Amino acid sequence: MKNIFKKQIAILLTILTISLLATIKIENKKLLGYNNNIEYKEYKVKNGDSIEGIAKKYATNTMSVKKIITKIQIKNNIEEVVYPGDILLVPTVAN
């Protein structure tokens, strides 16, 4: 009886783990907005620039400011602060 219970627990934990990993992968794809038409352009930060301000320059109806901010932060491994002279990779939609 104990062996059956252990097997059932092991199966349940395996299913839960797979479900969790699949959910994380799906959510990451949503967050990053996988799109084959996305290219990255270098942008040199100027005095007074912010990540949000830069994102607003590149926002389109297919890529929101919020999504661009997230992509800039992930691609450039930064939080929120940028400094004049920094070179950022900024997502753009290819034609």
PDB file of N, CA and C in Angstrom:
ATOM      1  N   MET A   1       0.823  -1.193   0.000  1.00  0.00           N
ATOM      2  CA  MET A   1       0.000   0.000   0.000  1.00  0.00           C
ATOM      3  C   MET A   1       0.865   1.253   0.000  1.00  0.00           C
ATOM      4  N   LYS A   2       1.963   1.222   0.796  1.00  0.00           N
ATOM      5  CA  LYS A   2       2.836   2.388   0.865  1.00  0.00           C
ATOM      6  C   LYS A   2       3.501   2.658  -0.481  1.00  0.00           C
ATOM      7  N   ASN A   3       3.880   1.593  -1.197  1.00  0.00           N
ATOM      8  CA  ASN A   3       4.528   1.761  -2.495  1.00  0.00           C
ATOM      9  C   ASN A   3       3.596   2.423  -3.502  1.00  0.00           C
ATOM     10  N   ILE A   4       2.334   2.044  -3.491  1.00  0.00           N
ATOM     11  CA  ILE A   4       1.349   2.639  -4.399  1.00  0.00           C
ATOM     12  C   ILE A   4       1.185   4.120  -4.077  1.00  0.00           C
ATOM     13  N   PHE A   5       1.113   4.435  -2.796  1.00  0.00           N
ATOM     14  CA  PHE A   5       0.966   5.832  -2.372  1.00  0.00           C
ATOM     15  C   PHE A   5       2.187   6.652  -2.793  1.00  0.00           C
ATOM     16  N   LYS A   6       3.386   6.097  -2.629  1.00  0.00           N
ATOM     17  CA  LYS A   6       4.612   6.797  -3.023  1.00  0.00           C
ATOM     18  C   LYS A   6       4.643   7.038  -4.534  1.00  0.00           C
ATOM     19  N   LYS A   7       4.214   6.047  -5.304  1.00  0.00           N
ATOM     20  CA  LYS A   7       4.185   6.199  -6.761  1.00  0.00           C
ATOM     21  C   LYS A   7       3.189   7.280  -7.172  1.00  0.00           C
ATOM     22  N   GLN A   8       2.038   7.291  -6.519  1.00  0.00           N
ATOM     23  CA  GLN A   8       1.029   8.303  -6.835  1.00  0.00           C
ATOM     24  C   GLN A   8       1.539   9.704  -6.507  1.00  0.00           C
ATOM     25  N   ILE A   9       2.207   9.856  -5.387  1.00  0.00           N
ATOM     26  CA  ILE A   9       2.780  11.151  -4.998  1.00  0.00           C
ATOM     27  C   ILE A   9       3.844  11.568  -6.011  1.00  0.00           C
ATOM     28  N   ALA A  10       4.692  10.624  -6.411  1.00  0.00           N
ATOM     29  CA  ALA A  10       5.749  10.928  -7.377  1.00  0.00           C
ATOM     30  C   ALA A  10       5.154  11.368  -8.713  1.00  0.00           C
ATOM     31  N   ILE A  11       4.116  10.686  -9.157  1.00  0.00           N
ATOM     32  CA  ILE A  11       3.449  11.050 -10.414  1.00  0.00           C
ATOM     33  C   ILE A  11       2.815  12.426 -10.298  1.00  0.00           C
ATOM     34  N   LEU A  12       2.146  12.673  -9.193  1.00  0.00           N
ATOM     35  CA  LEU A  12       1.507  13.976  -8.976  1.00  0.00           C
ATOM     36  C   LEU A  12       2.541  15.100  -8.975  1.00  0.00           C
ATOM     37  N   LEU A  13       3.650  14.906  -8.277  1.00  0.00           N
ATOM     38  CA  LEU A  13       4.702  15.925  -8.234  1.00  0.00           C
ATOM     39  C   LEU A  13       5.318  16.156  -9.614  1.00  0.00           C
ATOM     40  N   THR A  14       5.482  15.095 -10.376  1.00  0.00           N
ATOM     41  CA  THR A  14       6.013  15.222 -11.731  1.00  0.00           C
ATOM     42  C   THR A  14       5.070  16.036 -12.607  1.00  0.00           C
ATOM     43  N   ILE A  15       3.795  15.740 -12.542  1.00  0.00           N
ATOM     44  CA  ILE A  15       2.796  16.470 -13.330  1.00  0.00           C
ATOM     45  C   ILE A  15       2.764  17.942 -12.924  1.00  0.00           C
ATOM     46  N   LEU A  16       2.794  18.210 -11.632  1.00  0.00           N
ATOM     47  CA  LEU A  16       2.786  19.596 -11.153  1.00  0.00           C
ATOM     48  C   LEU A  16       4.031  20.353 -11.608  1.00  0.00           C
ATOM     49  N   THR A  17       5.181  19.698 -11.554  1.00  0.00           N
ATOM     50  CA  THR A  17       6.427  20.333 -11.983  1.00  0.00           C
ATOM     51  C   THR A  17       6.391  20.662 -13.470  1.00  0.00           C
ATOM     52  N   ILE A  18       5.940  19.726 -14.278  1.00  0.00           N
ATOM     53  CA  ILE A  18       5.844  19.956 -15.724  1.00  0.00           C
ATOM     54  C   ILE A  18       4.865  21.085 -16.016  1.00  0.00           C
ATOM     55  N   SER A  19       3.746  21.097 -15.331  1.00  0.00           N
ATOM     56  CA  SER A  19       2.754  22.163 -15.524  1.00  0.00           C
ATOM     57  C   SER A  19       3.330  23.524 -15.158  1.00  0.00           C
ATOM     58  N   LEU A  20       4.039  23.582 -14.053  1.00  0.00           N
ATOM     59  CA  LEU A  20       4.645  24.838 -13.611  1.00  0.00           C
ATOM     60  C   LEU A  20       5.678  25.329 -14.619  1.00  0.00           C
ATOM     61  N   LEU A  21       6.535  24.443 -15.086  1.00  0.00           N
ATOM     62  CA  LEU A  21       7.553  24.831 -16.063  1.00  0.00           C
ATOM     63  C   LEU A  21       6.924  25.303 -17.371  1.00  0.00           C
ATOM     64  N   ALA A  22       5.883  24.630 -17.816  1.00  0.00           N
ATOM     65  CA  ALA A  22       5.192  25.039 -19.040  1.00  0.00           C
ATOM     66  C   ALA A  22       4.562  26.415 -18.871  1.00  0.00           C
ATOM     67  N   THR A  23       3.959  26.659 -17.723  1.00  0.00           N
ATOM     68  CA  THR A  23       3.344  27.963 -17.449  1.00  0.00           C
ATOM     69  C   THR A  23       4.392  29.064 -17.442  1.00  0.00           C
ATOM     70  N   ILE A  24       5.525  28.814 -16.811  1.00  0.00           N
ATOM     71  CA  ILE A  24       6.600  29.811 -16.770  1.00  0.00           C
ATOM     72  C   ILE A  24       7.086  30.115 -18.178  1.00  0.00           C
ATOM     73  N   LYS A  25       7.266  29.097 -18.991  1.00  0.00           N
ATOM     74  CA  LYS A  25       7.742  29.301 -20.363  1.00  0.00           C
ATOM     75  C   LYS A  25       6.739  30.123 -21.167  1.00  0.00           C
ATOM     76  N   ILE A  26       5.470  29.818 -21.043  1.00  0.00           N
ATOM     77  CA  ILE A  26       4.424  30.561 -21.760  1.00  0.00           C
ATOM     78  C   ILE A  26       4.391  32.010 -21.302  1.00  0.00           C
ATOM     79  N   GLU A  27       4.462  32.241 -20.001  1.00  0.00           N
ATOM     80  CA  GLU A  27       4.427  33.608 -19.475  1.00  0.00           C
ATOM     81  C   GLU A  27       5.646  34.402 -19.919  1.00  0.00           C
ATOM     82  N   ASN A  28       6.813  33.767 -19.975  1.00  0.00           N
ATOM     83  CA  ASN A  28       8.009  34.460 -20.453  1.00  0.00           C
ATOM     84  C   ASN A  28       7.858  34.860 -21.910  1.00  0.00           C
ATOM     85  N   LYS A  29       7.269  33.984 -22.706  1.00  0.00           N
ATOM     86  CA  LYS A  29       7.053  34.333 -24.111  1.00  0.00           C
ATOM     87  C   LYS A  29       6.102  35.509 -24.229  1.00  0.00           C
ATOM     88  N   LYS A  30       5.066  35.534 -23.402  1.00  0.00           N
ATOM     89  CA  LYS A  30       4.125  36.654 -23.427  1.00  0.00           C
ATOM     90  C   LYS A  30       4.819  37.939 -23.002  1.00  0.00           C
ATOM     91  N   LEU A  31       5.612  37.851 -21.943  1.00  0.00           N
ATOM     92  CA  LEU A  31       6.309  39.024 -21.422  1.00  0.00           C
ATOM     93  C   LEU A  31       7.286  39.574 -22.448  1.00  0.00           C
ATOM     94  N   LEU A  32       8.033  38.695 -23.067  1.00  0.00           N
ATOM     95  CA  LEU A  32       9.019  39.151 -24.038  1.00  0.00           C
ATOM     96  C   LEU A  32       8.398  39.444 -25.391  1.00  0.00           C
ATOM     97  N   GLY A  33       7.174  38.986 -25.597  1.00  0.00           N
ATOM     98  CA  GLY A  33       6.469  39.266 -26.837  1.00  0.00           C
ATOM     99  C   GLY A  33       7.203  38.733 -28.051  1.00  0.00           C
ATOM    100  N   TYR A  34       7.480  37.464 -28.062  1.00  0.00           N
ATOM    101  CA  TYR A  34       8.214  36.888 -29.174  1.00  0.00           C
ATOM    102  C   TYR A  34       7.567  37.278 -30.485  1.00  0.00           C
ATOM    103  N   ASN A  35       8.389  37.816 -31.342  1.00  0.00           N
ATOM    104  CA  ASN A  35       7.926  38.302 -32.634  1.00  0.00           C
ATOM    105  C   ASN A  35       9.118  38.219 -33.572  1.00  0.00           C
ATOM    106  N   ASN A  36       8.975  37.518 -34.668  1.00  0.00           N
ATOM    107  CA  ASN A  36      10.083  37.346 -35.600  1.00  0.00           C
ATOM    108  C   ASN A  36      10.460  38.631 -36.313  1.00  0.00           C
ATOM    109  N   ASN A  37       9.602  39.645 -36.256  1.00  0.00           N
ATOM    110  CA  ASN A  37       9.879  40.895 -36.946  1.00  0.00           C
ATOM    111  C   ASN A  37      10.623  41.896 -36.075  1.00  0.00           C
ATOM    112  N   ILE A  38      11.053  41.503 -34.905  1.00  0.00           N
ATOM    113  CA  ILE A  38      11.738  42.440 -34.013  1.00  0.00           C
ATOM    114  C   ILE A  38      13.235  42.420 -34.295  1.00  0.00           C
ATOM    115  N   GLU A  39      13.761  43.616 -34.499  1.00  0.00           N
ATOM    116  CA  GLU A  39      15.195  43.808 -34.643  1.00  0.00           C
ATOM    117  C   GLU A  39      15.623  44.769 -33.549  1.00  0.00           C
ATOM    118  N   TYR A  40      16.905  44.833 -33.284  1.00  0.00           N
ATOM    119  CA  TYR A  40      17.413  45.753 -32.269  1.00  0.00           C
ATOM    120  C   TYR A  40      18.334  46.773 -32.921  1.00  0.00           C
ATOM    121  N   LYS A  41      18.142  48.021 -32.514  1.00  0.00           N
ATOM    122  CA  LYS A  41      18.914  49.136 -33.041  1.00  0.00           C
ATOM    123  C   LYS A  41      19.690  49.747 -31.881  1.00  0.00           C
ATOM    124  N   GLU A  42      20.928  50.175 -32.151  1.00  0.00           N
ATOM    125  CA  GLU A  42      21.702  50.840 -31.105  1.00  0.00           C
ATOM    126  C   GLU A  42      21.192  52.259 -30.912  1.00  0.00           C
ATOM    127  N   TYR A  43      21.076  52.658 -29.664  1.00  0.00           N
ATOM    128  CA  TYR A  43      20.637  54.016 -29.325  1.00  0.00           C
ATOM    129  C   TYR A  43      21.607  54.570 -28.290  1.00  0.00           C
ATOM    130  N   LYS A  44      22.171  55.749 -28.567  1.00  0.00           N
ATOM    131  CA  LYS A  44      23.089  56.391 -27.621  1.00  0.00           C
ATOM    132  C   LYS A  44      22.288  57.327 -26.727  1.00  0.00           C
ATOM    133  N   VAL A  45      22.345  57.078 -25.431  1.00  0.00           N
ATOM    134  CA  VAL A  45      21.580  57.853 -24.453  1.00  0.00           C
ATOM    135  C   VAL A  45      22.125  59.281 -24.379  1.00  0.00           C
ATOM    136  N   LYS A  46      21.188  60.232 -24.390  1.00  0.00           N
ATOM    137  CA  LYS A  46      21.527  61.653 -24.310  1.00  0.00           C
ATOM    138  C   LYS A  46      21.116  62.195 -22.943  1.00  0.00           C
ATOM    139  N   ASN A  47      21.600  63.403 -22.620  1.00  0.00           N
ATOM    140  CA  ASN A  47      21.190  64.066 -21.379  1.00  0.00           C
ATOM    141  C   ASN A  47      19.675  64.165 -21.319  1.00  0.00           C
ATOM    142  N   GLY A  48      19.094  63.827 -20.199  1.00  0.00           N
ATOM    143  CA  GLY A  48      17.651  63.941 -20.019  1.00  0.00           C
ATOM    144  C   GLY A  48      16.858  62.731 -20.479  1.00  0.00           C
ATOM    145  N   ASP A  49      17.520  61.765 -21.139  1.00  0.00           N
ATOM    146  CA  ASP A  49      16.819  60.556 -21.591  1.00  0.00           C
ATOM    147  C   ASP A  49      16.475  59.657 -20.409  1.00  0.00           C
ATOM    148  N   SER A  50      15.375  58.938 -20.556  1.00  0.00           N
ATOM    149  CA  SER A  50      14.985  57.895 -19.610  1.00  0.00           C
ATOM    150  C   SER A  50      14.584  56.685 -20.435  1.00  0.00           C
ATOM    151  N   ILE A  51      14.514  55.541 -19.800  1.00  0.00           N
ATOM    152  CA  ILE A  51      14.097  54.341 -20.538  1.00  0.00           C
ATOM    153  C   ILE A  51      12.689  54.540 -21.084  1.00  0.00           C
ATOM    154  N   GLU A  52      11.810  55.123 -20.276  1.00  0.00           N
ATOM    155  CA  GLU A  52      10.437  55.347 -20.726  1.00  0.00           C
ATOM    156  C   GLU A  52      10.403  56.308 -21.913  1.00  0.00           C
ATOM    157  N   GLY A  53      11.179  57.366 -21.853  1.00  0.00           N
ATOM    158  CA  GLY A  53      11.217  58.330 -22.953  1.00  0.00           C
ATOM    159  C   GLY A  53      11.730  57.707 -24.239  1.00  0.00           C
ATOM    160  N   ILE A  54      12.759  56.888 -24.115  1.00  0.00           N
ATOM    161  CA  ILE A  54      13.305  56.196 -25.287  1.00  0.00           C
ATOM    162  C   ILE A  54      12.260  55.235 -25.840  1.00  0.00           C
ATOM    163  N   ALA A  55      11.601  54.501 -24.957  1.00  0.00           N
ATOM    164  CA  ALA A  55      10.575  53.540 -25.384  1.00  0.00           C
ATOM    165  C   ALA A  55       9.438  54.243 -26.120  1.00  0.00           C
ATOM    166  N   LYS A  56       9.056  55.429 -25.657  1.00  0.00           N
ATOM    167  CA  LYS A  56       7.974  56.175 -26.316  1.00  0.00           C
ATOM    168  C   LYS A  56       8.343  56.541 -27.748  1.00  0.00           C
ATOM    169  N   LYS A  57       9.626  56.784 -28.001  1.00  0.00           N
ATOM    170  CA  LYS A  57      10.075  57.127 -29.359  1.00  0.00           C
ATOM    171  C   LYS A  57       9.909  55.946 -30.314  1.00  0.00           C
ATOM    172  N   TYR A  58      10.010  54.733 -29.782  1.00  0.00           N
ATOM    173  CA  TYR A  58       9.989  53.533 -30.623  1.00  0.00           C
ATOM    174  C   TYR A  58       8.674  52.753 -30.555  1.00  0.00           C
ATOM    175  N   ALA A  59       7.734  53.212 -29.758  1.00  0.00           N
ATOM    176  CA  ALA A  59       6.456  52.495 -29.612  1.00  0.00           C
ATOM    177  C   ALA A  59       5.672  52.519 -30.919  1.00  0.00           C
ATOM    178  N   THR A  60       4.977  51.434 -31.164  1.00  0.00           N
ATOM    179  CA  THR A  60       4.106  51.328 -32.342  1.00  0.00           C
ATOM    180  C   THR A  60       2.782  50.734 -31.882  1.00  0.00           C
ATOM    181  N   ASN A  61       1.867  50.590 -32.814  1.00  0.00           N
ATOM    182  CA  ASN A  61       0.592  49.971 -32.440  1.00  0.00           C
ATOM    183  C   ASN A  61       0.734  48.460 -32.235  1.00  0.00           C
ATOM    184  N   THR A  62       1.873  47.884 -32.618  1.00  0.00           N
ATOM    185  CA  THR A  62       2.092  46.451 -32.391  1.00  0.00           C
ATOM    186  C   THR A  62       3.034  46.181 -31.222  1.00  0.00           C
ATOM    187  N   MET A  63       3.696  47.238 -30.724  1.00  0.00           N
ATOM    188  CA  MET A  63       4.606  47.063 -29.594  1.00  0.00           C
ATOM    189  C   MET A  63       4.443  48.256 -28.650  1.00  0.00           C
ATOM    190  N   SER A  64       3.887  47.998 -27.480  1.00  0.00           N
ATOM    191  CA  SER A  64       3.575  49.056 -26.518  1.00  0.00           C
ATOM    192  C   SER A  64       4.834  49.579 -25.822  1.00  0.00           C
ATOM    193  N   VAL A  65       4.689  50.742 -25.209  1.00  0.00           N
ATOM    194  CA  VAL A  65       5.784  51.343 -24.446  1.00  0.00           C
ATOM    195  C   VAL A  65       6.234  50.390 -23.340  1.00  0.00           C
ATOM    196  N   LYS A  66       5.282  49.805 -22.638  1.00  0.00           N
ATOM    197  CA  LYS A  66       5.606  48.887 -21.536  1.00  0.00           C
ATOM    198  C   LYS A  66       6.426  47.695 -22.036  1.00  0.00           C
ATOM    199  N   LYS A  67       6.029  47.131 -23.170  1.00  0.00           N
ATOM    200  CA  LYS A  67       6.741  45.980 -23.722  1.00  0.00           C
ATOM    201  C   LYS A  67       8.151  46.387 -24.154  1.00  0.00           C
ATOM    202  N   ILE A  68       8.282  47.577 -24.740  1.00  0.00           N
ATOM    203  CA  ILE A  68       9.601  48.048 -25.169  1.00  0.00           C
ATOM    204  C   ILE A  68      10.501  48.274 -23.957  1.00  0.00           C
ATOM    205  N   ILE A  69       9.948  48.866 -22.901  1.00  0.00           N
ATOM    206  CA  ILE A  69      10.735  49.078 -21.676  1.00  0.00           C
ATOM    207  C   ILE A  69      11.266  47.741 -21.160  1.00  0.00           C
ATOM    208  N   THR A  70      10.400  46.750 -21.101  1.00  0.00           N
ATOM    209  CA  THR A  70      10.806  45.422 -20.620  1.00  0.00           C
ATOM    210  C   THR A  70      11.897  44.840 -21.499  1.00  0.00           C
ATOM    211  N   LYS A  71      11.730  44.940 -22.815  1.00  0.00           N
ATOM    212  CA  LYS A  71      12.727  44.398 -23.740  1.00  0.00           C
ATOM    213  C   LYS A  71      14.059  45.125 -23.602  1.00  0.00           C
ATOM    214  N   ILE A  72      14.022  46.452 -23.449  1.00  0.00           N
ATOM    215  CA  ILE A  72      15.258  47.225 -23.265  1.00  0.00           C
ATOM    216  C   ILE A  72      15.968  46.762 -21.997  1.00  0.00           C
ATOM    217  N   GLN A  73      15.216  46.626 -20.916  1.00  0.00           N
ATOM    218  CA  GLN A  73      15.821  46.228 -19.641  1.00  0.00           C
ATOM    219  C   GLN A  73      16.426  44.828 -19.717  1.00  0.00           C
ATOM    220  N   ILE A  74      15.730  43.904 -20.333  1.00  0.00           N
ATOM    221  CA  ILE A  74      16.222  42.528 -20.421  1.00  0.00           C
ATOM    222  C   ILE A  74      17.420  42.443 -21.366  1.00  0.00           C
ATOM    223  N   LYS A  75      17.281  43.009 -22.553  1.00  0.00           N
ATOM    224  CA  LYS A  75      18.338  42.913 -23.569  1.00  0.00           C
ATOM    225  C   LYS A  75      19.631  43.576 -23.104  1.00  0.00           C
ATOM    226  N   ASN A  76      19.513  44.683 -22.354  1.00  0.00           N
ATOM    227  CA  ASN A  76      20.689  45.432 -21.921  1.00  0.00           C
ATOM    228  C   ASN A  76      21.099  45.137 -20.481  1.00  0.00           C
ATOM    229  N   ASN A  77      20.361  44.234 -19.841  1.00  0.00           N
ATOM    230  CA  ASN A  77      20.643  43.832 -18.457  1.00  0.00           C
ATOM    231  C   ASN A  77      20.744  45.049 -17.531  1.00  0.00           C
ATOM    232  N   ILE A  78      19.701  45.885 -17.567  1.00  0.00           N
ATOM    233  CA  ILE A  78      19.665  47.092 -16.739  1.00  0.00           C
ATOM    234  C   ILE A  78      18.353  47.150 -15.972  1.00  0.00           C
ATOM    235  N   GLU A  79      18.311  48.007 -14.969  1.00  0.00           N
ATOM    236  CA  GLU A  79      17.085  48.211 -14.190  1.00  0.00           C
ATOM    237  C   GLU A  79      16.321  49.398 -14.771  1.00  0.00           C
ATOM    238  N   GLU A  80      16.506  50.582 -14.184  1.00  0.00           N
ATOM    239  CA  GLU A  80      15.734  51.741 -14.621  1.00  0.00           C
ATOM    240  C   GLU A  80      16.576  52.948 -14.992  1.00  0.00           C
ATOM    241  N   VAL A  81      17.801  53.017 -14.498  1.00  0.00           N
ATOM    242  CA  VAL A  81      18.614  54.214 -14.698  1.00  0.00           C
ATOM    243  C   VAL A  81      19.541  54.040 -15.896  1.00  0.00           C
ATOM    244  N   VAL A  82      19.574  55.068 -16.753  1.00  0.00           N
ATOM    245  CA  VAL A  82      20.520  55.113 -17.864  1.00  0.00           C
ATOM    246  C   VAL A  82      21.310  56.413 -17.751  1.00  0.00           C
ATOM    247  N   TYR A  83      22.484  56.410 -18.327  1.00  0.00           N
ATOM    248  CA  TYR A  83      23.363  57.567 -18.234  1.00  0.00           C
ATOM    249  C   TYR A  83      23.747  58.041 -19.630  1.00  0.00           C
ATOM    250  N   PRO A  84      23.946  59.359 -19.785  1.00  0.00           N
ATOM    251  CA  PRO A  84      24.376  59.878 -21.088  1.00  0.00           C
ATOM    252  C   PRO A  84      25.623  59.138 -21.566  1.00  0.00           C
ATOM    253  N   GLY A  85      25.593  58.754 -22.825  1.00  0.00           N
ATOM    254  CA  GLY A  85      26.706  58.010 -23.405  1.00  0.00           C
ATOM    255  C   GLY A  85      26.496  56.510 -23.425  1.00  0.00           C
ATOM    256  N   ASP A  86      25.560  56.005 -22.612  1.00  0.00           N
ATOM    257  CA  ASP A  86      25.251  54.571 -22.649  1.00  0.00           C
ATOM    258  C   ASP A  86      24.755  54.206 -24.044  1.00  0.00           C
ATOM    259  N   ILE A  87      25.132  53.033 -24.499  1.00  0.00           N
ATOM    260  CA  ILE A  87      24.624  52.511 -25.769  1.00  0.00           C
ATOM    261  C   ILE A  87      23.638  51.398 -25.433  1.00  0.00           C
ATOM    262  N   LEU A  88      22.394  51.581 -25.846  1.00  0.00           N
ATOM    263  CA  LEU A  88      21.349  50.595 -25.574  1.00  0.00           C
ATOM    264  C   LEU A  88      20.917  49.917 -26.864  1.00  0.00           C
ATOM    265  N   LEU A  89      20.535  48.666 -26.750  1.00  0.00           N
ATOM    266  CA  LEU A  89      19.878  47.978 -27.855  1.00  0.00           C
ATOM    267  C   LEU A  89      18.383  48.147 -27.641  1.00  0.00           C
ATOM    268  N   VAL A  90      17.731  48.782 -28.620  1.00  0.00           N
ATOM    269  CA  VAL A  90      16.312  49.117 -28.514  1.00  0.00           C
ATOM    270  C   VAL A  90      15.551  48.327 -29.576  1.00  0.00           C
ATOM    271  N   PRO A  91      14.447  47.668 -29.192  1.00  0.00           N
ATOM    272  CA  PRO A  91      13.686  46.881 -30.168  1.00  0.00           C
ATOM    273  C   PRO A  91      12.940  47.770 -31.156  1.00  0.00           C
ATOM    274  N   THR A  92      12.974  47.346 -32.407  1.00  0.00           N
ATOM    275  CA  THR A  92      12.203  48.012 -33.455  1.00  0.00           C
ATOM    276  C   THR A  92      11.504  46.927 -34.263  1.00  0.00           C
ATOM    277  N   VAL A  93      10.436  47.271 -34.911  1.00  0.00           N
ATOM    278  CA  VAL A  93       9.714  46.309 -35.739  1.00  0.00           C
ATOM    279  C   VAL A  93      10.242  46.419 -37.158  1.00  0.00           C
ATOM    280  N   ALA A  94      10.706  45.289 -37.693  1.00  0.00           N
ATOM    281  CA  ALA A  94      11.248  45.274 -39.053  1.00  0.00           C
ATOM    282  C   ALA A  94      10.126  45.377 -40.069  1.00  0.00           C
ATOM    283  N   ASN A  95      10.457  45.936 -41.195  1.00  0.00           N
ATOM    284  CA  ASN A  95       9.465  46.045 -42.292  1.00  0.00           C
ATOM    285  C   ASN A  95       9.406  44.780 -43.103  1.00  0.00           C
TER     286      ASN A  95
END
